[in-house]
Amino acid sequence: MYAIIETGGKQYRVEEGDEIDVELLGTDGTVKFEKVLLVHDGKEPKVGLPHLDKCSVMGEVIGQTKGPKVIAFKYKQRKNYRRTVGHRQKYSRVKITKIAAQ
């Protein structure tokens, strides 16, 4: 059984036992994803328009990680203007514990 969930403006395909990195969640412990777009139980998929009612995905926040460093460089020709900015996005690592579909 797998599900497609939406969180942080992105969509993730998850199964029970998967560990995924999602946009930083402000909580620790358990988390409930209620924006479920699709659930497939091996026989027939259930598709929401846009979300499924009475379906949720439970997860447990394991910890926080950082993504790769992204360098932004600004430059203007012949003006002696150069700026370098670095950014590392923070993520929450979530282990999927249960897919509840009805």
C-alpha atoms as a PDB file:
ATOM      1  CA  MET A   1       0.000   0.000   0.000  1.00  0.00           C
ATOM      2  CA  TYR A   2       1.257   3.457  -0.853  1.00  0.00           C
ATOM      3  CA  ALA A   3      -0.075   6.999  -0.746  1.00  0.00           C
ATOM      4  CA  ILE A   4       0.735  10.350  -2.309  1.00  0.00           C
ATOM      5  CA  ILE A   5       0.670  13.208   0.200  1.00  0.00           C
ATOM      6  CA  GLU A   6       1.127  16.948  -0.095  1.00  0.00           C
ATOM      7  CA  THR A   7       3.118  18.974   2.415  1.00  0.00           C
ATOM      8  CA  GLY A   8       5.171  22.127   2.113  1.00  0.00           C
ATOM      9  CA  GLY A   9       3.934  22.715  -1.448  1.00  0.00           C
ATOM     10  CA  LYS A  10       5.450  19.428  -2.639  1.00  0.00           C
ATOM     11  CA  GLN A  11       4.093  15.937  -3.234  1.00  0.00           C
ATOM     12  CA  TYR A  12       5.637  12.740  -1.882  1.00  0.00           C
ATOM     13  CA  ARG A  13       4.979   9.061  -2.607  1.00  0.00           C
ATOM     14  CA  VAL A  14       5.170   7.221   0.714  1.00  0.00           C
ATOM     15  CA  GLU A  15       4.812   3.695   2.059  1.00  0.00           C
ATOM     16  CA  GLU A  16       4.832   2.475   5.642  1.00  0.00           C
ATOM     17  CA  GLY A  17       8.385   2.448   6.972  1.00  0.00           C
ATOM     18  CA  ASP A  18       9.692   5.097   4.549  1.00  0.00           C
ATOM     19  CA  GLU A  19      11.832   7.989   5.756  1.00  0.00           C
ATOM     20  CA  ILE A  20      11.342  11.243   3.871  1.00  0.00           C
ATOM     21  CA  ASP A  21      12.724  14.764   4.193  1.00  0.00           C
ATOM     22  CA  VAL A  22       9.965  17.399   4.147  1.00  0.00           C
ATOM     23  CA  GLU A  23       9.985  21.156   4.628  1.00  0.00           C
ATOM     24  CA  LEU A  24      10.724  22.079   8.231  1.00  0.00           C
ATOM     25  CA  LEU A  25       7.832  21.195  10.540  1.00  0.00           C
ATOM     26  CA  GLY A  26       7.512  23.115  13.777  1.00  0.00           C
ATOM     27  CA  THR A  27       6.703  20.017  15.838  1.00  0.00           C
ATOM     28  CA  ASP A  28       8.427  17.024  17.355  1.00  0.00           C
ATOM     29  CA  GLY A  29       6.908  13.615  17.993  1.00  0.00           C
ATOM     30  CA  THR A  30       4.042  12.471  15.783  1.00  0.00           C
ATOM     31  CA  VAL A  31       2.642  14.315  12.800  1.00  0.00           C
ATOM     32  CA  LYS A  32      -0.537  13.729  10.790  1.00  0.00           C
ATOM     33  CA  PHE A  33      -0.698  14.473   7.053  1.00  0.00           C
ATOM     34  CA  GLU A  34      -4.308  15.042   6.029  1.00  0.00           C
ATOM     35  CA  LYS A  35      -3.736  16.245   2.471  1.00  0.00           C
ATOM     36  CA  VAL A  36      -3.774  12.795   0.872  1.00  0.00           C
ATOM     37  CA  LEU A  37      -4.092  12.892  -2.915  1.00  0.00           C
ATOM     38  CA  LEU A  38      -4.069   9.168  -3.731  1.00  0.00           C
ATOM     39  CA  VAL A  39      -4.118   5.848  -1.899  1.00  0.00           C
ATOM     40  CA  HIS A  40      -3.359   2.560  -3.665  1.00  0.00           C
ATOM     41  CA  ASP A  41      -3.951  -0.662  -1.742  1.00  0.00           C
ATOM     42  CA  GLY A  42      -2.576  -3.010  -4.400  1.00  0.00           C
ATOM     43  CA  LYS A  43      -5.925  -3.628  -6.092  1.00  0.00           C
ATOM     44  CA  GLU A  44      -7.572  -0.340  -6.892  1.00  0.00           C
ATOM     45  CA  PRO A  45      -6.404   3.264  -6.440  1.00  0.00           C
ATOM     46  CA  LYS A  46      -8.538   5.882  -4.689  1.00  0.00           C
ATOM     47  CA  VAL A  47      -8.053   9.337  -6.147  1.00  0.00           C
ATOM     48  CA  GLY A  48      -9.183  12.537  -4.431  1.00  0.00           C
ATOM     49  CA  LEU A  49     -10.549  15.663  -6.041  1.00  0.00           C
ATOM     50  CA  PRO A  50      -8.224  17.255  -4.906  1.00  0.00           C
ATOM     51  CA  HIS A  51      -7.900  15.479  -1.518  1.00  0.00           C
ATOM     52  CA  LEU A  52      -9.349  12.305  -0.064  1.00  0.00           C
ATOM     53  CA  ASP A  53     -11.718  12.656   2.893  1.00  0.00           C
ATOM     54  CA  LYS A  54     -11.289  10.303   5.865  1.00  0.00           C
ATOM     55  CA  CYS A  55      -7.760   9.365   4.798  1.00  0.00           C
ATOM     56  CA  SER A  56      -4.594  10.349   6.605  1.00  0.00           C
ATOM     57  CA  VAL A  57      -0.958   9.390   6.894  1.00  0.00           C
ATOM     58  CA  MET A  58       0.707   9.241  10.294  1.00  0.00           C
ATOM     59  CA  GLY A  59       4.411   9.871  10.758  1.00  0.00           C
ATOM     60  CA  GLU A  60       7.001  10.317  13.452  1.00  0.00           C
ATOM     61  CA  VAL A  61       9.538  13.147  13.347  1.00  0.00           C
ATOM     62  CA  ILE A  62      13.004  11.600  13.704  1.00  0.00           C
ATOM     63  CA  GLY A  63      15.045  14.790  13.570  1.00  0.00           C
ATOM     64  CA  GLN A  64      16.125  17.749  11.496  1.00  0.00           C
ATOM     65  CA  THR A  65      18.616  17.832   8.630  1.00  0.00           C
ATOM     66  CA  LYS A  66      20.037  20.412   6.256  1.00  0.00           C
ATOM     67  CA  GLY A  67      20.049  20.264   2.496  1.00  0.00           C
ATOM     68  CA  PRO A  68      22.995  20.997   0.229  1.00  0.00           C
ATOM     69  CA  LYS A  69      24.471  24.484   0.152  1.00  0.00           C
ATOM     70  CA  VAL A  70      23.239  26.658  -2.703  1.00  0.00           C
ATOM     71  CA  ILE A  71      25.411  29.571  -3.815  1.00  0.00           C
ATOM     72  CA  ALA A  72      23.844  32.691  -5.325  1.00  0.00           C
ATOM     73  CA  PHE A  73      26.273  35.076  -7.029  1.00  0.00           C
ATOM     74  CA  LYS A  74      25.326  38.566  -8.200  1.00  0.00           C
ATOM     75  CA  TYR A  75      27.537  40.425 -10.639  1.00  0.00           C
ATOM     76  CA  LYS A  76      27.321  43.660 -12.589  1.00  0.00           C
ATOM     77  CA  GLN A  77      29.654  44.176 -15.473  1.00  0.00           C
ATOM     78  CA  ARG A  78      32.197  47.051 -15.206  1.00  0.00           C
ATOM     79  CA  LYS A  79      30.713  48.343 -11.927  1.00  0.00           C
ATOM     80  CA  ASN A  80      32.907  46.486  -9.393  1.00  0.00           C
ATOM     81  CA  TYR A  81      29.779  44.863  -7.932  1.00  0.00           C
ATOM     82  CA  ARG A  82      29.993  41.253  -6.725  1.00  0.00           C
ATOM     83  CA  ARG A  83      27.911  39.612  -3.993  1.00  0.00           C
ATOM     84  CA  THR A  84      27.949  36.001  -2.841  1.00  0.00           C
ATOM     85  CA  VAL A  85      25.149  34.570  -0.750  1.00  0.00           C
ATOM     86  CA  GLY A  86      24.897  30.994   0.518  1.00  0.00           C
ATOM     87  CA  HIS A  87      21.775  29.157   1.679  1.00  0.00           C
ATOM     88  CA  ARG A  88      21.084  25.756   3.276  1.00  0.00           C
ATOM     89  CA  GLN A  89      17.457  24.688   3.534  1.00  0.00           C
ATOM     90  CA  LYS A  90      16.385  22.962   6.757  1.00  0.00           C
ATOM     91  CA  TYR A  91      14.296  19.798   6.546  1.00  0.00           C
ATOM     92  CA  SER A  92      12.462  17.546   8.985  1.00  0.00           C
ATOM     93  CA  ARG A  93      13.108  13.823   8.595  1.00  0.00           C
ATOM     94  CA  VAL A  94       9.829  11.909   9.025  1.00  0.00           C
ATOM     95  CA  LYS A  95       9.317   8.146   9.300  1.00  0.00           C
ATOM     96  CA  ILE A  96       5.928   7.043   7.980  1.00  0.00           C
ATOM     97  CA  THR A  97       4.209   4.803  10.532  1.00  0.00           C
ATOM     98  CA  LYS A  98       0.661   4.281   9.253  1.00  0.00           C
ATOM     99  CA  ILE A  99      -1.524   4.899   6.214  1.00  0.00           C
ATOM    100  CA  ALA A 100      -5.162   5.105   7.272  1.00  0.00           C
ATOM    101  CA  ALA A 101      -7.558   4.783   4.315  1.00  0.00           C
ATOM    102  CA  GLN A 102     -11.264   4.047   4.322  1.00  0.00           C
END
